[in-house]
Amino acid sequence: MTVKELFQSLYFKDIIEPMKKKYPDALLPISRYKEDYDIILNTVFSGEGGTITFHPDGNSDAYMCEGDRYFNIVGMEVVLPDNGAVTAAEAAAEILWCSAPFGRYGEIDWALFEEHEADKYALQAKRLDIKIALPYCRDKKIRRELKQQMMSTSEDLCLSAEADDWFVFGEGKLWGRRQKRSKRKRKYRMKKRRDELFRQSELHKELDLLEAKIGSVSERLKQLVLSSSSIETIYYESKTYGKSGRIDYIADLLLNPLYNSKKYLNPAKKQECICVLYATPEHPCTTAEQNRIIEILGKYFGSTPWQLFTRQCKGLDNEVELDITDITQ
């Protein structure tokens, strides 16, 4: 049978249980797998196909579909072992696990956004990282490369293979050498500063991305982002194929306990969430749909503060996408 026929014979909950058992700490959000499950059920085969074989010892060729697209994956033949060592649900779980990160293209094509602040912090962190290592370098050629990188205005580190090998592993080789207490303290302070610069760079990139999504950001929200301890963004995209309401599909992803969509919400910590609902100009959200999503988000967040923005974009056809950014202090 084909991959599509295999998935048609199973409910999603039957597939997700063996996946959670085998990969408890490495799963994408469960809602993402639900979206990919529905894509497989509704995709018409238009590729070259292939074969996915599951062997009696439990190993398989499911990794072969990594990097492939669903228009080809759905038509691949699935061969299960005769001894029953691998069930249909386990085979489907392995295929979904391997294909989900690659099987579809992103729908929203983000415009390039400014990263001047992020670049500034990343550049300072790179220079400080070199400054920590430079005193221990005895190779003149590598020292020359490192000094050139100190003068560079790019946040990216461009080194030869030899210099890169020394820079990445050299510190570890020198760590065992005895140093005076004053040098150890200085090195510790420089590393802490470097780590903080890298953190500020990432936070400014998150702020830039948020501004690209919602436009001008208030000073209060800006300070909230820059002082946060963690920022997580989760994407929910309806995959109805005209068979159900697109907002109802999002409601199921958010409120169904099976998908554990509240994993990033922590009432014990100070949080604020920014939600952006996207639809196409040809199929904008109606007033009824906006009221419905406000009702759903109210149930989802409970006492956690949140804001909702609606935006238009291309690439979603008649579907919608909801992006939720969880900002935790």
Protein backbone atom coordinates (compact mmCIF):
# COMPACT_ATOMS: atom_id res chain seq x y z
CA MET A 1 0.00 0.00 0.00
CA THR A 2 1.04 3.61 -0.47
CA VAL A 3 1.82 6.14 2.25
CA LYS A 4 -1.49 7.89 1.61
CA GLU A 5 -3.44 4.61 1.88
CA LEU A 6 -1.60 3.80 5.11
CA PHE A 7 -2.56 7.14 6.65
CA GLN A 8 -6.16 6.83 5.43
CA SER A 9 -6.45 3.61 7.42
CA LEU A 10 -5.44 5.27 10.71
CA TYR A 11 -6.67 8.02 13.00
CA PHE A 12 -4.20 10.73 13.95
CA LYS A 13 -4.25 9.76 17.62
CA ASP A 14 -3.20 6.22 16.65
CA ILE A 15 -0.15 7.60 14.85
CA ILE A 16 0.94 10.15 17.43
CA GLU A 17 1.11 7.73 20.38
CA PRO A 18 4.00 5.56 19.05
CA MET A 19 5.75 8.75 17.91
CA LYS A 20 5.54 10.28 21.40
CA LYS A 21 6.81 7.01 22.87
CA LYS A 22 9.83 6.76 20.56
CA TYR A 23 10.76 10.49 20.44
CA PRO A 24 9.56 11.95 23.76
CA ASP A 25 12.09 14.79 23.85
CA ALA A 26 12.51 15.65 20.19
CA LEU A 27 9.03 16.29 18.85
CA LEU A 28 7.83 19.34 17.00
CA PRO A 29 4.61 20.78 18.47
CA ILE A 30 1.97 18.06 18.11
CA SER A 31 -0.29 20.48 16.23
CA ARG A 32 2.34 20.64 13.48
CA TYR A 33 2.08 16.88 12.94
CA LYS A 34 -1.72 17.20 12.76
CA GLU A 35 -1.36 19.72 9.96
CA ASP A 36 1.06 17.43 8.10
CA TYR A 37 -1.25 14.45 8.64
CA ASP A 38 -4.08 16.37 6.94
CA ILE A 39 -1.76 17.41 4.11
CA ILE A 40 -0.93 13.76 3.42
CA LEU A 41 -4.60 12.80 3.40
CA ASN A 42 -5.44 15.53 0.87
CA THR A 43 -2.37 15.59 -1.40
CA VAL A 44 -2.60 14.09 -4.89
CA PHE A 45 0.45 12.04 -5.89
CA SER A 46 2.42 13.68 -8.71
CA GLY A 47 6.00 12.50 -8.23
CA GLU A 48 8.16 9.50 -9.02
CA GLY A 49 7.32 7.53 -5.88
CA GLY A 50 9.65 5.00 -4.33
CA THR A 51 9.64 2.34 -1.61
CA ILE A 52 9.85 2.61 2.19
CA THR A 53 10.77 -0.76 3.68
CA PHE A 54 10.41 -1.65 7.36
CA HIS A 55 12.67 -4.54 8.37
CA PRO A 56 12.03 -7.34 10.92
CA ASP A 57 14.61 -5.86 13.33
CA GLY A 58 12.60 -2.60 13.55
CA ASN A 59 14.87 -0.54 11.29
CA SER A 60 13.47 1.13 8.20
CA ASP A 61 14.16 3.24 5.12
CA ALA A 62 11.81 5.99 6.33
CA TYR A 63 14.73 8.39 6.45
CA MET A 64 14.63 8.26 2.64
CA CYS A 65 11.70 10.69 2.67
CA GLU A 66 13.66 13.34 4.58
CA GLY A 67 13.94 16.40 2.38
CA ASP A 68 11.28 15.06 0.01
CA ARG A 69 7.93 16.71 -0.68
CA TYR A 70 4.50 15.37 0.11
CA PHE A 71 3.41 15.30 -3.54
CA ASN A 72 5.95 12.47 -3.94
CA ILE A 73 5.86 10.94 -0.45
CA VAL A 74 2.13 10.12 -0.62
CA GLY A 75 2.72 7.79 -3.58
CA MET A 76 5.64 5.83 -2.08
CA GLU A 77 5.02 2.13 -1.40
CA VAL A 78 5.19 0.97 2.23
CA VAL A 79 6.48 -2.56 2.87
CA LEU A 80 5.89 -3.95 6.38
CA PRO A 81 7.67 -7.06 7.77
CA ASP A 82 5.73 -10.35 7.69
CA ASN A 83 6.50 -11.12 11.34
CA GLY A 84 4.49 -8.11 12.59
CA ALA A 85 7.52 -6.50 14.24
CA VAL A 86 6.32 -3.10 13.01
CA THR A 87 2.63 -2.15 13.19
CA ALA A 88 0.90 0.10 10.69
CA ALA A 89 0.68 2.87 13.31
CA GLU A 90 4.40 2.62 14.10
CA ALA A 91 5.25 2.77 10.40
CA ALA A 92 3.04 5.82 9.87
CA ALA A 93 4.58 7.49 12.94
CA GLU A 94 8.10 6.95 11.62
CA ILE A 95 7.19 8.31 8.18
CA LEU A 96 5.49 11.37 9.68
CA TRP A 97 8.43 11.97 12.02
CA CYS A 98 10.96 11.86 9.16
CA SER A 99 8.95 13.89 6.65
CA ALA A 100 7.27 16.58 8.78
CA PRO A 101 10.24 19.01 8.98
CA PHE A 102 10.72 18.93 5.20
CA GLY A 103 7.53 17.80 3.50
CA ARG A 104 6.01 21.21 2.80
CA TYR A 105 7.09 24.69 1.88
CA GLY A 106 6.48 27.68 4.13
CA GLU A 107 3.37 29.51 3.05
CA ILE A 108 4.24 33.03 4.14
CA ASP A 109 7.16 34.65 2.38
CA TRP A 110 8.57 37.06 4.99
CA ALA A 111 10.06 40.28 3.65
CA LEU A 112 13.61 41.05 4.72
CA PHE A 113 13.64 43.06 7.92
CA GLU A 114 16.25 45.38 9.41
CA GLU A 115 18.77 43.88 11.83
CA HIS A 116 21.00 46.88 12.59
CA GLU A 117 20.74 46.53 16.37
CA ALA A 118 21.14 42.74 16.22
CA ASP A 119 24.19 43.12 13.98
CA LYS A 120 25.78 45.57 16.41
CA TYR A 121 25.52 43.20 19.37
CA ALA A 122 26.58 40.15 17.37
CA LEU A 123 29.62 42.03 16.04
CA GLN A 124 30.68 43.04 19.55
CA ALA A 125 30.26 39.44 20.74
CA LYS A 126 32.38 38.13 17.85
CA ARG A 127 35.17 40.59 18.56
CA LEU A 128 35.13 39.79 22.27
CA ASP A 129 35.25 36.06 21.49
CA ILE A 130 38.40 36.65 19.40
CA LYS A 131 39.89 38.87 22.10
CA ILE A 132 39.53 36.05 24.64
CA ALA A 133 41.37 33.57 22.39
CA LEU A 134 43.99 35.81 20.77
CA PRO A 135 46.56 35.84 23.64
CA TYR A 136 46.84 32.05 23.46
CA CYS A 137 47.52 31.87 19.72
CA ARG A 138 51.17 31.22 18.79
CA ASP A 139 50.70 30.66 15.06
CA LYS A 140 51.45 33.91 13.19
CA LYS A 141 49.21 33.08 10.25
CA ILE A 142 46.22 32.31 12.49
CA ARG A 143 46.87 35.41 14.61
CA ARG A 144 46.87 37.51 11.43
CA GLU A 145 43.50 36.04 10.40
CA LEU A 146 42.01 36.64 13.84
CA LYS A 147 43.17 40.25 13.85
CA GLN A 148 41.66 40.77 10.41
CA GLN A 149 38.36 39.44 11.73
CA MET A 150 38.61 41.85 14.67
CA MET A 151 38.67 44.71 12.14
CA SER A 152 35.85 43.28 10.02
CA THR A 153 32.41 44.94 10.19
CA SER A 154 30.60 41.67 9.49
CA GLU A 155 29.04 39.71 12.36
CA ASP A 156 29.94 36.46 10.56
CA LEU A 157 33.25 34.79 11.36
CA CYS A 158 35.13 33.90 8.16
CA LEU A 159 38.28 31.87 8.83
CA SER A 160 40.37 29.34 6.97
CA ALA A 161 39.88 25.68 7.91
CA GLU A 162 43.10 25.70 9.94
CA ALA A 163 42.24 28.89 11.82
CA ASP A 164 38.65 27.81 12.37
CA ASP A 165 39.84 24.49 13.82
CA TRP A 166 42.14 26.30 16.25
CA PHE A 167 39.49 28.86 17.21
CA VAL A 168 36.83 26.22 17.89
CA PHE A 169 39.02 23.65 19.65
CA GLY A 170 42.01 25.72 20.78
CA GLU A 171 40.37 26.99 23.95
CA GLY A 172 39.60 23.45 25.04
CA LYS A 173 43.24 22.46 24.52
CA LEU A 174 44.44 25.41 26.61
CA TRP A 175 41.85 25.10 29.35
CA GLY A 176 43.95 22.53 31.26
CA ARG A 177 46.96 24.85 31.50
CA ARG A 178 47.39 26.37 34.91
CA GLN A 179 46.48 30.06 35.05
CA LYS A 180 46.68 32.65 37.77
CA ARG A 181 43.50 33.45 39.63
CA SER A 182 43.38 36.97 38.22
CA LYS A 183 43.52 35.63 34.64
CA ARG A 184 40.80 33.09 35.33
CA LYS A 185 38.55 35.81 36.77
CA ARG A 186 39.20 38.09 33.80
CA LYS A 187 38.43 35.30 31.35
CA TYR A 188 35.24 34.45 33.23
CA ARG A 189 34.04 38.08 33.12
CA MET A 190 34.78 38.33 29.39
CA LYS A 191 32.86 35.13 28.69
CA LYS A 192 29.87 36.35 30.67
CA ARG A 193 29.93 39.60 28.71
CA ARG A 194 30.21 37.72 25.41
CA ASP A 195 27.24 35.49 26.28
CA GLU A 196 25.16 38.54 27.22
CA LEU A 197 26.02 40.21 23.89
CA PHE A 198 24.92 37.10 21.99
CA ARG A 199 21.69 37.08 24.02
CA GLN A 200 21.01 40.75 23.25
CA SER A 201 21.62 40.05 19.56
CA GLU A 202 19.00 37.29 19.53
CA LEU A 203 16.51 39.44 21.46
CA HIS A 204 16.90 42.32 18.99
CA LYS A 205 16.35 39.90 16.11
CA GLU A 206 13.13 38.77 17.80
CA LEU A 207 12.11 42.40 18.15
CA ASP A 208 12.87 43.06 14.46
CA LEU A 209 10.77 40.07 13.46
CA LEU A 210 7.90 41.23 15.67
CA GLU A 211 8.01 44.67 14.06
CA ALA A 212 7.99 43.04 10.61
CA LYS A 213 4.79 41.24 11.60
CA ILE A 214 2.78 43.91 13.41
CA GLY A 215 4.41 47.21 12.47
CA SER A 216 5.49 49.81 15.00
CA VAL A 217 6.07 48.35 18.49
CA SER A 218 5.26 50.35 21.63
CA GLU A 219 8.06 51.24 24.02
CA ARG A 220 6.48 49.04 26.70
CA LEU A 221 6.42 46.00 24.42
CA LYS A 222 9.95 46.75 23.23
CA GLN A 223 11.26 46.72 26.80
CA LEU A 224 9.26 43.57 27.51
CA VAL A 225 11.01 41.77 24.62
CA LEU A 226 14.49 43.04 25.46
CA SER A 227 14.20 42.07 29.13
CA SER A 228 12.64 38.65 28.49
CA SER A 229 14.18 35.36 29.59
CA SER A 230 12.72 33.41 26.66
CA ILE A 231 10.69 33.98 23.50
CA GLU A 232 8.88 31.17 21.70
CA THR A 233 6.92 31.50 18.46
CA ILE A 234 4.42 28.82 17.42
CA TYR A 235 2.64 28.68 14.07
CA TYR A 236 -0.84 27.22 13.50
CA GLU A 237 -2.06 26.88 9.93
CA SER A 238 -5.45 25.61 8.90
CA LYS A 239 -5.50 22.66 6.50
CA THR A 240 -9.20 22.30 5.78
CA TYR A 241 -9.15 21.83 2.00
CA GLY A 242 -12.67 23.27 2.06
CA LYS A 243 -14.00 20.45 4.25
CA SER A 244 -14.49 22.49 7.45
CA GLY A 245 -14.30 26.00 8.84
CA ARG A 246 -10.77 27.41 8.87
CA ILE A 247 -11.21 29.11 12.25
CA ASP A 248 -12.70 25.92 13.71
CA TYR A 249 -9.56 24.10 12.54
CA ILE A 250 -7.37 26.58 14.44
CA ALA A 251 -9.65 26.17 17.47
CA ASP A 252 -9.06 22.42 17.43
CA LEU A 253 -5.27 22.89 17.26
CA LEU A 254 -5.34 25.28 20.22
CA LEU A 255 -7.91 23.69 22.52
CA ASN A 256 -7.63 19.95 21.86
CA PRO A 257 -5.69 18.46 24.85
CA LEU A 258 -4.10 15.86 22.52
CA TYR A 259 -1.91 18.52 20.92
CA ASN A 260 -0.53 19.97 24.18
CA SER A 261 -0.63 23.45 22.64
CA LYS A 262 -0.33 25.17 26.03
CA LYS A 263 3.18 23.80 26.69
CA TYR A 264 4.71 27.29 26.44
CA LEU A 265 2.16 28.95 28.73
CA ASN A 266 3.32 29.25 32.33
CA PRO A 267 0.88 31.00 34.71
CA ALA A 268 3.57 30.98 37.42
CA LYS A 269 5.69 33.42 35.36
CA LYS A 270 4.98 36.85 33.93
CA GLN A 271 4.06 36.37 30.28
CA GLU A 272 2.51 38.30 27.42
CA CYS A 273 1.55 36.86 24.06
CA ILE A 274 1.35 38.53 20.66
CA CYS A 275 -0.97 36.86 18.15
CA VAL A 276 -1.04 37.59 14.42
CA LEU A 277 -3.82 36.15 12.25
CA TYR A 278 -3.03 36.02 8.52
CA ALA A 279 -5.39 35.61 5.59
CA THR A 280 -5.12 36.42 1.88
CA PRO A 281 -6.49 39.63 0.32
CA GLU A 282 -8.81 37.43 -1.78
CA HIS A 283 -10.21 35.68 1.31
CA PRO A 284 -9.93 38.13 4.24
CA CYS A 285 -11.22 37.26 7.68
CA THR A 286 -14.84 38.22 8.18
CA THR A 287 -16.12 40.00 11.27
CA ALA A 288 -17.66 36.74 12.44
CA GLU A 289 -14.33 34.94 12.05
CA GLN A 290 -12.49 37.66 13.96
CA ASN A 291 -15.01 37.48 16.79
CA ARG A 292 -14.67 33.69 16.81
CA ILE A 293 -10.87 33.77 17.04
CA ILE A 294 -11.07 36.32 19.89
CA GLU A 295 -13.38 33.93 21.74
CA ILE A 296 -11.01 31.00 21.12
CA LEU A 297 -7.93 32.92 22.24
CA GLY A 298 -9.75 34.02 25.40
CA LYS A 299 -10.29 30.37 26.31
CA TYR A 300 -6.75 29.42 25.31
CA PHE A 301 -4.87 32.09 27.26
CA GLY A 302 -7.07 32.36 30.35
CA SER A 303 -5.46 34.97 32.61
CA THR A 304 -2.35 35.44 30.42
CA PRO A 305 -2.33 38.91 28.73
CA TRP A 306 -2.48 38.78 24.93
CA GLN A 307 -2.97 40.98 21.88
CA LEU A 308 -4.37 40.08 18.46
CA PHE A 309 -3.37 41.63 15.14
CA THR A 310 -4.85 40.76 11.74
CA ARG A 311 -2.71 40.97 8.62
CA GLN A 312 -2.94 39.95 4.98
CA CYS A 313 -0.40 37.94 3.01
CA LYS A 314 -0.14 35.81 -0.10
CA GLY A 315 0.28 32.05 -0.27
CA LEU A 316 -2.47 30.83 2.05
CA ASP A 317 -5.21 30.41 -0.58
CA ASN A 318 -8.45 30.03 1.39
CA GLU A 319 -6.71 29.10 4.66
CA VAL A 320 -5.50 31.16 7.64
CA GLU A 321 -2.36 31.12 9.76
CA LEU A 322 -2.09 32.12 13.42
CA ASP A 323 1.33 33.04 14.81
CA ILE A 324 1.66 33.21 18.60
CA THR A 325 4.77 34.73 20.18
CA ASP A 326 5.10 33.87 23.89
CA ILE A 327 7.25 36.42 25.73
CA THR A 328 8.33 35.24 29.19
CA GLN A 329 10.04 37.40 31.81
